[in-house]
N, C-alpha and C. Protein backbone atom coordinates (compact mmCIF):
# COMPACT_ATOMS: atom_id res chain seq x y z
N MET A 1 0.82 -1.19 0.00
CA MET A 1 0.00 0.00 0.00
C MET A 1 0.86 1.26 0.00
N LYS A 2 1.93 1.26 0.83
CA LYS A 2 2.79 2.43 0.93
C LYS A 2 3.52 2.68 -0.39
N GLY A 3 3.79 1.64 -1.16
CA GLY A 3 4.48 1.77 -2.44
C GLY A 3 3.66 2.53 -3.46
N TYR A 4 2.35 2.61 -3.28
CA TYR A 4 1.48 3.31 -4.22
C TYR A 4 1.29 4.77 -3.85
N ILE A 5 1.54 5.14 -2.63
CA ILE A 5 1.25 6.50 -2.19
C ILE A 5 2.12 7.53 -2.91
N ILE A 6 3.42 7.30 -2.98
CA ILE A 6 4.32 8.27 -3.62
C ILE A 6 4.00 8.44 -5.10
N PRO A 7 3.82 7.37 -5.88
CA PRO A 7 3.46 7.58 -7.30
C PRO A 7 2.13 8.30 -7.48
N VAL A 8 1.15 8.02 -6.62
CA VAL A 8 -0.15 8.69 -6.72
C VAL A 8 0.00 10.17 -6.43
N ILE A 9 0.75 10.52 -5.40
CA ILE A 9 0.97 11.93 -5.06
C ILE A 9 1.71 12.63 -6.19
N ALA A 10 2.72 11.98 -6.75
CA ALA A 10 3.47 12.57 -7.86
C ALA A 10 2.56 12.78 -9.07
N ALA A 11 1.72 11.80 -9.38
CA ALA A 11 0.81 11.92 -10.53
C ALA A 11 -0.18 13.06 -10.32
N LEU A 12 -0.73 13.18 -9.12
CA LEU A 12 -1.66 14.27 -8.83
C LEU A 12 -0.97 15.62 -8.92
N SER A 13 0.24 15.71 -8.45
CA SER A 13 0.98 16.97 -8.52
C SER A 13 1.24 17.37 -9.97
N LEU A 14 1.65 16.42 -10.78
CA LEU A 14 1.92 16.72 -12.19
C LEU A 14 0.65 17.08 -12.94
N SER A 15 -0.44 16.41 -12.66
CA SER A 15 -1.69 16.73 -13.36
C SER A 15 -2.19 18.11 -12.96
N ALA A 16 -1.94 18.53 -11.73
CA ALA A 16 -2.34 19.87 -11.31
C ALA A 16 -1.53 20.92 -12.07
N CYS A 17 -0.26 20.66 -12.30
CA CYS A 17 0.58 21.60 -13.05
C CYS A 17 0.16 21.71 -14.50
N SER A 18 -0.25 20.61 -15.09
CA SER A 18 -0.59 20.62 -16.52
C SER A 18 -1.83 21.44 -16.80
N SER A 19 -2.69 21.66 -15.81
CA SER A 19 -3.88 22.45 -16.06
C SER A 19 -3.62 23.94 -15.86
N LEU A 20 -2.38 24.31 -15.54
CA LEU A 20 -2.03 25.70 -15.32
C LEU A 20 -0.95 26.14 -16.30
N PRO A 21 -1.32 26.36 -17.58
CA PRO A 21 -0.29 26.72 -18.55
C PRO A 21 0.28 28.11 -18.32
N PHE A 22 -0.42 28.96 -17.58
CA PHE A 22 0.03 30.32 -17.33
C PHE A 22 0.57 30.40 -15.92
N SER A 23 1.85 30.12 -15.75
CA SER A 23 2.44 30.14 -14.43
C SER A 23 3.80 30.80 -14.50
N GLY A 24 4.48 30.88 -13.38
CA GLY A 24 5.81 31.48 -13.34
C GLY A 24 5.73 32.96 -13.66
N LYS A 25 6.58 33.42 -14.61
CA LYS A 25 6.58 34.84 -14.93
C LYS A 25 5.41 35.22 -15.84
N ASP A 26 4.61 34.25 -16.26
CA ASP A 26 3.45 34.53 -17.11
C ASP A 26 2.18 34.49 -16.27
N LYS A 27 2.11 35.27 -15.21
CA LYS A 27 0.99 35.23 -14.29
C LYS A 27 -0.24 35.97 -14.80
N GLN A 28 -0.08 36.75 -15.87
CA GLN A 28 -1.21 37.48 -16.41
C GLN A 28 -2.20 36.49 -17.01
N PRO A 29 -3.50 36.77 -16.84
CA PRO A 29 -4.49 35.84 -17.39
C PRO A 29 -4.47 35.85 -18.92
N PRO A 30 -4.83 34.72 -19.52
CA PRO A 30 -4.85 34.66 -20.99
C PRO A 30 -5.99 35.49 -21.56
N ILE A 31 -5.89 35.76 -22.85
CA ILE A 31 -6.92 36.48 -23.57
C ILE A 31 -7.55 35.50 -24.54
N LYS A 32 -8.87 35.45 -24.58
CA LYS A 32 -9.57 34.55 -25.51
C LYS A 32 -9.55 35.14 -26.91
N VAL A 33 -9.04 34.38 -27.86
CA VAL A 33 -9.04 34.78 -29.26
C VAL A 33 -9.56 33.58 -30.05
N GLY A 34 -10.72 33.71 -30.63
CA GLY A 34 -11.29 32.62 -31.42
C GLY A 34 -11.47 31.34 -30.62
N GLY A 35 -11.79 31.46 -29.34
CA GLY A 35 -12.00 30.29 -28.50
C GLY A 35 -10.71 29.69 -27.95
N MET A 36 -9.57 30.30 -28.23
CA MET A 36 -8.28 29.80 -27.76
C MET A 36 -7.71 30.77 -26.74
N ASP A 37 -7.10 30.22 -25.70
CA ASP A 37 -6.40 31.04 -24.73
C ASP A 37 -5.05 31.45 -25.29
N VAL A 38 -4.86 32.76 -25.47
CA VAL A 38 -3.61 33.29 -25.99
C VAL A 38 -2.96 34.09 -24.87
N PRO A 39 -1.67 33.87 -24.62
CA PRO A 39 -1.02 34.62 -23.54
C PRO A 39 -1.02 36.12 -23.84
N SER A 40 -1.27 36.93 -22.83
CA SER A 40 -1.35 38.38 -23.03
C SER A 40 -0.02 38.94 -23.53
N TRP A 41 1.11 38.35 -23.13
CA TRP A 41 2.41 38.84 -23.59
C TRP A 41 2.59 38.64 -25.09
N PHE A 42 1.86 37.70 -25.68
CA PHE A 42 1.94 37.46 -27.12
C PHE A 42 1.26 38.59 -27.89
N LEU A 43 0.17 39.11 -27.33
CA LEU A 43 -0.58 40.17 -28.00
C LEU A 43 -0.11 41.57 -27.61
N SER A 44 0.60 41.69 -26.51
CA SER A 44 1.10 42.99 -26.03
C SER A 44 2.63 42.96 -25.99
N VAL A 45 3.23 43.04 -27.13
CA VAL A 45 4.68 42.97 -27.25
C VAL A 45 5.27 44.29 -26.73
N PRO A 46 6.33 44.23 -25.91
CA PRO A 46 6.94 45.47 -25.40
C PRO A 46 7.43 46.35 -26.55
N GLU A 47 7.49 47.65 -26.28
CA GLU A 47 8.02 48.58 -27.27
C GLU A 47 9.51 48.35 -27.44
N ASP A 48 9.97 48.47 -28.67
CA ASP A 48 11.39 48.34 -28.95
C ASP A 48 12.15 49.54 -28.39
N THR A 49 13.37 49.29 -27.96
CA THR A 49 14.25 50.35 -27.47
C THR A 49 15.58 50.24 -28.22
N GLN A 50 16.53 51.12 -27.88
CA GLN A 50 17.84 51.04 -28.51
C GLN A 50 18.57 49.77 -28.10
N ASP A 51 18.25 49.25 -26.92
CA ASP A 51 18.95 48.08 -26.39
C ASP A 51 18.25 46.76 -26.68
N SER A 52 16.96 46.79 -26.97
CA SER A 52 16.21 45.55 -27.19
C SER A 52 15.11 45.76 -28.20
N ILE A 53 14.99 44.79 -29.10
CA ILE A 53 13.81 44.73 -29.96
C ILE A 53 13.13 43.40 -29.69
N TYR A 54 11.83 43.36 -29.91
CA TYR A 54 11.02 42.20 -29.55
C TYR A 54 10.23 41.70 -30.76
N ALA A 55 9.99 40.41 -30.76
CA ALA A 55 9.15 39.80 -31.79
C ALA A 55 8.51 38.56 -31.19
N VAL A 56 7.38 38.18 -31.75
CA VAL A 56 6.67 36.99 -31.30
C VAL A 56 6.49 36.04 -32.47
N GLY A 57 6.24 34.80 -32.16
CA GLY A 57 5.98 33.79 -33.18
C GLY A 57 5.09 32.72 -32.60
N THR A 58 4.38 32.05 -33.48
CA THR A 58 3.55 30.92 -33.05
C THR A 58 3.75 29.78 -34.04
N GLY A 59 3.63 28.57 -33.54
CA GLY A 59 3.76 27.39 -34.38
C GLY A 59 2.69 26.38 -34.02
N HIS A 60 2.28 25.59 -34.98
CA HIS A 60 1.20 24.62 -34.79
C HIS A 60 1.59 23.32 -35.48
N SER A 61 1.60 22.23 -34.74
CA SER A 61 1.98 20.94 -35.33
C SER A 61 1.50 19.81 -34.44
N ASP A 62 1.42 18.61 -35.02
CA ASP A 62 1.10 17.44 -34.20
C ASP A 62 2.34 16.93 -33.47
N ASP A 63 3.50 17.50 -33.79
CA ASP A 63 4.75 17.17 -33.12
C ASP A 63 5.17 18.39 -32.29
N MET A 64 5.34 18.21 -30.98
CA MET A 64 5.61 19.33 -30.11
C MET A 64 6.90 20.06 -30.50
N GLN A 65 7.98 19.35 -30.77
CA GLN A 65 9.24 20.01 -31.11
C GLN A 65 9.12 20.81 -32.40
N PHE A 66 8.38 20.27 -33.37
CA PHE A 66 8.21 21.00 -34.63
C PHE A 66 7.39 22.26 -34.40
N SER A 67 6.41 22.20 -33.51
CA SER A 67 5.62 23.37 -33.14
C SER A 67 6.53 24.44 -32.54
N ILE A 68 7.44 24.04 -31.66
CA ILE A 68 8.38 24.98 -31.05
C ILE A 68 9.31 25.55 -32.11
N ASP A 69 9.84 24.69 -32.99
CA ASP A 69 10.75 25.15 -34.05
C ASP A 69 10.06 26.18 -34.95
N LYS A 70 8.81 25.93 -35.31
CA LYS A 70 8.07 26.86 -36.16
C LYS A 70 7.91 28.22 -35.47
N ALA A 71 7.55 28.19 -34.19
CA ALA A 71 7.35 29.44 -33.45
C ALA A 71 8.66 30.22 -33.33
N MET A 72 9.75 29.52 -33.06
CA MET A 72 11.05 30.19 -32.94
C MET A 72 11.46 30.79 -34.28
N HIS A 73 11.24 30.06 -35.36
CA HIS A 73 11.58 30.58 -36.69
C HIS A 73 10.78 31.84 -36.99
N GLU A 74 9.50 31.81 -36.70
CA GLU A 74 8.65 32.97 -36.97
C GLU A 74 9.11 34.19 -36.17
N ALA A 75 9.47 33.98 -34.91
CA ALA A 75 9.96 35.10 -34.08
C ALA A 75 11.29 35.63 -34.61
N LYS A 76 12.18 34.74 -35.05
CA LYS A 76 13.47 35.18 -35.61
C LYS A 76 13.26 35.98 -36.89
N VAL A 77 12.31 35.58 -37.71
CA VAL A 77 12.01 36.33 -38.93
C VAL A 77 11.51 37.73 -38.54
N GLY A 78 10.70 37.82 -37.50
CA GLY A 78 10.23 39.12 -37.02
C GLY A 78 11.37 40.00 -36.55
N LEU A 79 12.34 39.41 -35.83
CA LEU A 79 13.50 40.17 -35.38
C LEU A 79 14.32 40.66 -36.58
N ALA A 80 14.57 39.77 -37.53
CA ALA A 80 15.35 40.15 -38.72
C ALA A 80 14.66 41.25 -39.50
N ASP A 81 13.35 41.18 -39.60
CA ASP A 81 12.58 42.20 -40.31
C ASP A 81 12.77 43.56 -39.66
N LYS A 82 12.77 43.59 -38.33
CA LYS A 82 12.94 44.86 -37.62
C LYS A 82 14.37 45.39 -37.75
N ILE A 83 15.35 44.50 -37.86
CA ILE A 83 16.75 44.92 -37.94
C ILE A 83 17.09 45.45 -39.34
N ALA A 84 16.63 44.78 -40.39
CA ALA A 84 17.20 45.07 -41.70
C ALA A 84 16.23 45.16 -42.86
N ALA A 85 14.95 45.20 -42.63
CA ALA A 85 14.03 45.22 -43.76
C ALA A 85 14.19 46.50 -44.57
N ARG A 86 14.26 46.33 -45.86
CA ARG A 86 14.27 47.47 -46.77
C ARG A 86 12.91 47.49 -47.44
N THR A 87 12.25 48.61 -47.33
CA THR A 87 10.91 48.72 -47.87
C THR A 87 10.82 49.94 -48.77
N SER A 88 10.12 49.77 -49.85
CA SER A 88 9.84 50.93 -50.69
C SER A 88 8.35 50.91 -51.01
N ALA A 89 7.81 52.10 -51.17
CA ALA A 89 6.38 52.19 -51.47
C ALA A 89 6.16 53.38 -52.40
N GLU A 90 5.15 53.26 -53.22
CA GLU A 90 4.80 54.32 -54.14
C GLU A 90 3.28 54.35 -54.25
N VAL A 91 2.73 55.53 -54.19
CA VAL A 91 1.29 55.70 -54.34
C VAL A 91 1.06 56.63 -55.53
N LYS A 92 0.19 56.22 -56.42
CA LYS A 92 -0.15 57.02 -57.58
C LYS A 92 -1.66 57.28 -57.53
N THR A 93 -2.05 58.55 -57.66
CA THR A 93 -3.47 58.90 -57.60
C THR A 93 -3.84 59.71 -58.83
N PHE A 94 -5.00 59.40 -59.39
CA PHE A 94 -5.53 60.10 -60.54
C PHE A 94 -6.92 60.59 -60.19
N VAL A 95 -7.18 61.90 -60.38
CA VAL A 95 -8.50 62.47 -60.09
C VAL A 95 -8.92 63.28 -61.30
N THR A 96 -10.17 63.12 -61.72
CA THR A 96 -10.71 63.91 -62.82
C THR A 96 -12.11 64.39 -62.44
N ASP A 97 -12.50 65.48 -63.02
CA ASP A 97 -13.81 66.09 -62.71
C ASP A 97 -14.41 66.51 -64.04
N SER A 98 -15.66 66.12 -64.31
CA SER A 98 -16.29 66.46 -65.58
C SER A 98 -16.63 67.94 -65.66
N GLY A 99 -16.93 68.59 -64.55
CA GLY A 99 -17.16 70.04 -64.51
C GLY A 99 -18.39 70.52 -65.24
N LYS A 100 -19.36 69.69 -65.54
CA LYS A 100 -20.56 70.09 -66.28
C LYS A 100 -21.59 70.65 -65.30
N GLY A 101 -21.93 71.92 -65.49
CA GLY A 101 -22.94 72.56 -64.65
C GLY A 101 -22.57 72.45 -63.18
N GLY A 102 -23.53 72.39 -62.32
CA GLY A 102 -23.29 72.22 -60.90
C GLY A 102 -23.29 70.76 -60.51
N GLN A 103 -23.46 69.90 -61.49
CA GLN A 103 -23.58 68.46 -61.26
C GLN A 103 -22.31 67.72 -61.69
N SER A 104 -21.17 68.23 -61.37
CA SER A 104 -19.94 67.59 -61.84
C SER A 104 -19.75 66.22 -61.19
N LEU A 105 -19.18 65.34 -61.94
CA LEU A 105 -18.87 64.00 -61.46
C LEU A 105 -17.36 63.85 -61.36
N SER A 106 -16.94 63.40 -60.22
CA SER A 106 -15.49 63.19 -60.02
C SER A 106 -15.17 61.71 -60.08
N THR A 107 -14.02 61.44 -60.62
CA THR A 107 -13.52 60.08 -60.66
C THR A 107 -12.17 60.08 -59.95
N ARG A 108 -11.99 59.13 -59.09
CA ARG A 108 -10.72 59.03 -58.36
C ARG A 108 -10.25 57.58 -58.43
N LYS A 109 -8.99 57.43 -58.73
CA LYS A 109 -8.40 56.10 -58.79
C LYS A 109 -7.02 56.17 -58.16
N SER A 110 -6.74 55.25 -57.24
CA SER A 110 -5.43 55.22 -56.57
C SER A 110 -4.86 53.82 -56.62
N THR A 111 -3.55 53.75 -56.70
CA THR A 111 -2.85 52.47 -56.67
C THR A 111 -1.69 52.60 -55.70
N LYS A 112 -1.50 51.59 -54.88
CA LYS A 112 -0.37 51.58 -53.96
C LYS A 112 0.45 50.33 -54.25
N LEU A 113 1.73 50.52 -54.36
CA LEU A 113 2.65 49.42 -54.61
C LEU A 113 3.72 49.44 -53.53
N ALA A 114 3.89 48.35 -52.84
CA ALA A 114 4.91 48.27 -51.79
C ALA A 114 5.66 46.96 -51.92
N LYS A 115 6.94 47.00 -51.60
CA LYS A 115 7.74 45.77 -51.60
C LYS A 115 8.72 45.84 -50.44
N SER A 116 9.04 44.68 -49.89
CA SER A 116 9.90 44.61 -48.73
C SER A 116 10.77 43.36 -48.84
N GLY A 117 11.99 43.43 -48.29
CA GLY A 117 12.84 42.25 -48.32
C GLY A 117 14.11 42.42 -47.52
N TYR A 118 14.71 41.30 -47.17
CA TYR A 118 15.99 41.26 -46.46
C TYR A 118 16.53 39.85 -46.55
N GLN A 119 17.83 39.71 -46.34
CA GLN A 119 18.42 38.38 -46.28
C GLN A 119 19.75 38.48 -45.53
N ASN A 120 20.19 37.36 -44.98
CA ASN A 120 21.46 37.26 -44.26
C ASN A 120 21.58 38.26 -43.12
N VAL A 121 20.62 38.23 -42.20
CA VAL A 121 20.64 39.10 -41.04
C VAL A 121 21.00 38.26 -39.82
N ASP A 122 21.93 38.75 -39.02
CA ASP A 122 22.38 38.04 -37.82
C ASP A 122 21.35 38.22 -36.70
N VAL A 123 20.67 37.13 -36.34
CA VAL A 123 19.73 37.17 -35.21
C VAL A 123 20.17 36.20 -34.12
N SER A 124 21.48 35.97 -34.04
CA SER A 124 22.00 35.09 -32.99
C SER A 124 21.96 35.83 -31.65
N ASP A 125 22.20 35.11 -30.59
CA ASP A 125 22.20 35.67 -29.23
C ASP A 125 20.86 36.27 -28.84
N TYR A 126 19.79 35.68 -29.32
CA TYR A 126 18.46 36.12 -28.92
C TYR A 126 18.16 35.59 -27.53
N VAL A 127 17.17 36.20 -26.89
CA VAL A 127 16.71 35.76 -25.57
C VAL A 127 15.24 35.38 -25.70
N VAL A 128 14.90 34.18 -25.25
CA VAL A 128 13.49 33.78 -25.22
C VAL A 128 12.90 34.38 -23.94
N GLU A 129 12.06 35.39 -24.11
CA GLU A 129 11.45 36.07 -22.97
C GLU A 129 10.30 35.24 -22.39
N HIS A 130 9.49 34.68 -23.27
CA HIS A 130 8.35 33.86 -22.85
C HIS A 130 8.19 32.72 -23.84
N ARG A 131 7.75 31.58 -23.34
CA ARG A 131 7.45 30.44 -24.20
C ARG A 131 6.31 29.67 -23.53
N MET A 132 5.34 29.28 -24.34
CA MET A 132 4.23 28.49 -23.81
C MET A 132 3.78 27.50 -24.87
N VAL A 133 3.59 26.25 -24.47
CA VAL A 133 3.09 25.21 -25.36
C VAL A 133 1.77 24.73 -24.78
N ILE A 134 0.73 24.73 -25.62
CA ILE A 134 -0.58 24.25 -25.17
C ILE A 134 -1.08 23.21 -26.16
N MET A 135 -2.03 22.44 -25.72
CA MET A 135 -2.70 21.50 -26.62
C MET A 135 -3.84 22.24 -27.31
N ASP A 136 -3.91 22.08 -28.62
CA ASP A 136 -4.96 22.68 -29.44
C ASP A 136 -5.61 21.53 -30.20
N GLY A 137 -6.58 20.90 -29.55
CA GLY A 137 -7.13 19.66 -30.09
C GLY A 137 -6.10 18.57 -29.93
N SER A 138 -5.74 17.92 -31.02
CA SER A 138 -4.69 16.90 -30.97
C SER A 138 -3.35 17.46 -31.44
N PHE A 139 -3.25 18.79 -31.55
CA PHE A 139 -2.04 19.46 -32.00
C PHE A 139 -1.42 20.24 -30.85
N TYR A 140 -0.17 20.62 -31.03
CA TYR A 140 0.52 21.50 -30.10
C TYR A 140 0.56 22.90 -30.70
N ARG A 141 0.28 23.89 -29.89
CA ARG A 141 0.39 25.29 -30.29
C ARG A 141 1.44 25.91 -29.38
N THR A 142 2.48 26.50 -29.98
CA THR A 142 3.54 27.13 -29.22
C THR A 142 3.50 28.64 -29.45
N PHE A 143 3.64 29.38 -28.37
CA PHE A 143 3.75 30.83 -28.42
C PHE A 143 5.13 31.19 -27.88
N ILE A 144 5.84 32.09 -28.58
CA ILE A 144 7.19 32.50 -28.19
C ILE A 144 7.28 34.01 -28.28
N GLN A 145 7.97 34.60 -27.32
CA GLN A 145 8.36 36.01 -27.42
C GLN A 145 9.86 36.07 -27.24
N MET A 146 10.56 36.71 -28.18
CA MET A 146 12.01 36.83 -28.14
C MET A 146 12.42 38.29 -28.12
N SER A 147 13.63 38.52 -27.61
CA SER A 147 14.23 39.85 -27.70
C SER A 147 15.67 39.68 -28.17
N ILE A 148 16.22 40.78 -28.66
CA ILE A 148 17.60 40.77 -29.14
C ILE A 148 18.15 42.18 -29.01
N ASP A 149 19.45 42.27 -28.76
CA ASP A 149 20.13 43.56 -28.76
C ASP A 149 20.49 43.86 -30.22
N PRO A 150 19.92 44.92 -30.81
CA PRO A 150 20.12 45.17 -32.24
C PRO A 150 21.47 45.79 -32.59
N SER A 151 22.24 46.21 -31.60
CA SER A 151 23.51 46.86 -31.91
C SER A 151 24.54 45.86 -32.44
N ASP A 152 25.36 46.34 -33.31
CA ASP A 152 26.45 45.55 -33.90
C ASP A 152 25.98 44.26 -34.55
N ARG A 153 24.90 44.32 -35.27
CA ARG A 153 24.39 43.16 -36.02
C ARG A 153 24.89 43.25 -37.44
N SER A 154 25.42 42.16 -37.94
CA SER A 154 25.86 42.18 -39.34
C SER A 154 24.67 41.95 -40.24
N VAL A 155 24.60 42.77 -41.26
CA VAL A 155 23.56 42.66 -42.27
C VAL A 155 24.26 42.58 -43.61
N VAL A 156 24.07 41.50 -44.31
CA VAL A 156 24.76 41.28 -45.57
C VAL A 156 23.74 41.25 -46.70
N ASN A 157 23.97 42.06 -47.72
CA ASN A 157 23.16 42.01 -48.93
C ASN A 157 21.67 42.13 -48.63
N THR A 158 21.25 43.24 -48.04
CA THR A 158 19.83 43.41 -47.71
C THR A 158 18.99 43.78 -48.92
N ASN A 159 19.61 44.14 -50.02
CA ASN A 159 18.83 44.51 -51.19
C ASN A 159 18.42 43.26 -51.95
N THR A 160 17.21 42.79 -51.67
CA THR A 160 16.72 41.59 -52.35
C THR A 160 15.85 41.93 -53.56
N PHE A 161 15.74 43.23 -53.87
CA PHE A 161 14.95 43.61 -55.02
C PHE A 161 15.82 43.44 -56.26
N ASN A 162 15.37 42.62 -57.17
CA ASN A 162 16.15 42.45 -58.40
C ASN A 162 15.53 43.26 -59.52
N ASN A 163 16.20 43.30 -60.65
CA ASN A 163 15.72 44.09 -61.78
C ASN A 163 14.34 43.66 -62.24
N LYS A 164 14.05 42.38 -62.19
CA LYS A 164 12.74 41.91 -62.63
C LYS A 164 11.64 42.46 -61.72
N ASP A 165 11.89 42.51 -60.39
CA ASP A 165 10.92 43.10 -59.47
C ASP A 165 10.65 44.55 -59.85
N ASP A 166 11.71 45.30 -60.13
CA ASP A 166 11.56 46.70 -60.49
C ASP A 166 10.78 46.84 -61.80
N GLU A 167 11.05 45.97 -62.77
CA GLU A 167 10.34 46.02 -64.05
C GLU A 167 8.86 45.76 -63.86
N VAL A 168 8.51 44.76 -63.06
CA VAL A 168 7.11 44.43 -62.80
C VAL A 168 6.42 45.59 -62.10
N ALA A 169 7.09 46.18 -61.11
CA ALA A 169 6.50 47.30 -60.37
C ALA A 169 6.29 48.50 -61.29
N THR A 170 7.28 48.82 -62.10
CA THR A 170 7.18 49.95 -63.02
C THR A 170 6.06 49.72 -64.03
N LYS A 171 5.96 48.52 -64.56
CA LYS A 171 4.91 48.21 -65.53
C LYS A 171 3.52 48.32 -64.90
N ALA A 172 3.40 47.86 -63.66
CA ALA A 172 2.11 47.96 -62.96
C ALA A 172 1.70 49.41 -62.80
N LEU A 173 2.64 50.26 -62.48
CA LEU A 173 2.31 51.68 -62.32
C LEU A 173 2.07 52.37 -63.65
N GLU A 174 2.77 51.96 -64.71
CA GLU A 174 2.56 52.55 -66.04
C GLU A 174 1.18 52.20 -66.59
N ASN A 175 0.70 51.00 -66.30
CA ASN A 175 -0.60 50.57 -66.81
C ASN A 175 -1.76 51.22 -66.03
N PHE A 176 -1.42 52.03 -65.10
CA PHE A 176 -2.40 52.69 -64.26
C PHE A 176 -3.05 53.74 -65.08
C-alpha cells in the first residue's frame, strides 16, 4: 500500500501543473481569441528600445518540437525584419472632374505598390522572454516572445529587389 502513495501523489501533482499553462513569470491571465487562450504577452509585445527589440511567433503541429521550431523561426524572422528590412512604397493617384454645370462627377483612382525584403541578417544571441506550449485539439500550439540587442548586427546584402521586381513594379504603375 505504501508503495502506491508516492506515485499517486506525484501523478496528482503533475496533473495539477498541466492544467495551469500560465504560471511562473506569465501570471497574467490569458486572452480569448477565437476560442483559444492566448497569452497576453503574445498580444502585447513590449516597445522596442535602442537596447532591445522584440518579436513573437507561433507554431502549430502534431509534433511538439516542430511546433516549437516553427514558433522560434517565426519570431526570428520578425527580429530580422525589424533589424534590416528594406521597404519601398509608391502611391499614384488620378482624379478627374467632368465640370458640367453644378452636377460635376469626379472620378478618383489610386494604386499603392509596396515591396519589402531582407536576407542574411544576424539574429543570434536572442533571448526567449516567454514560451508556452498548449494543446490545441490533438495538436501542439507554441507561443514564443524573443528579444535581441540590435547593436552591432551584421547585415549582408539586404537589397533583395532584383531588376525583374523593379520592371514588374514599373509596368504595374505605367498601366495605371
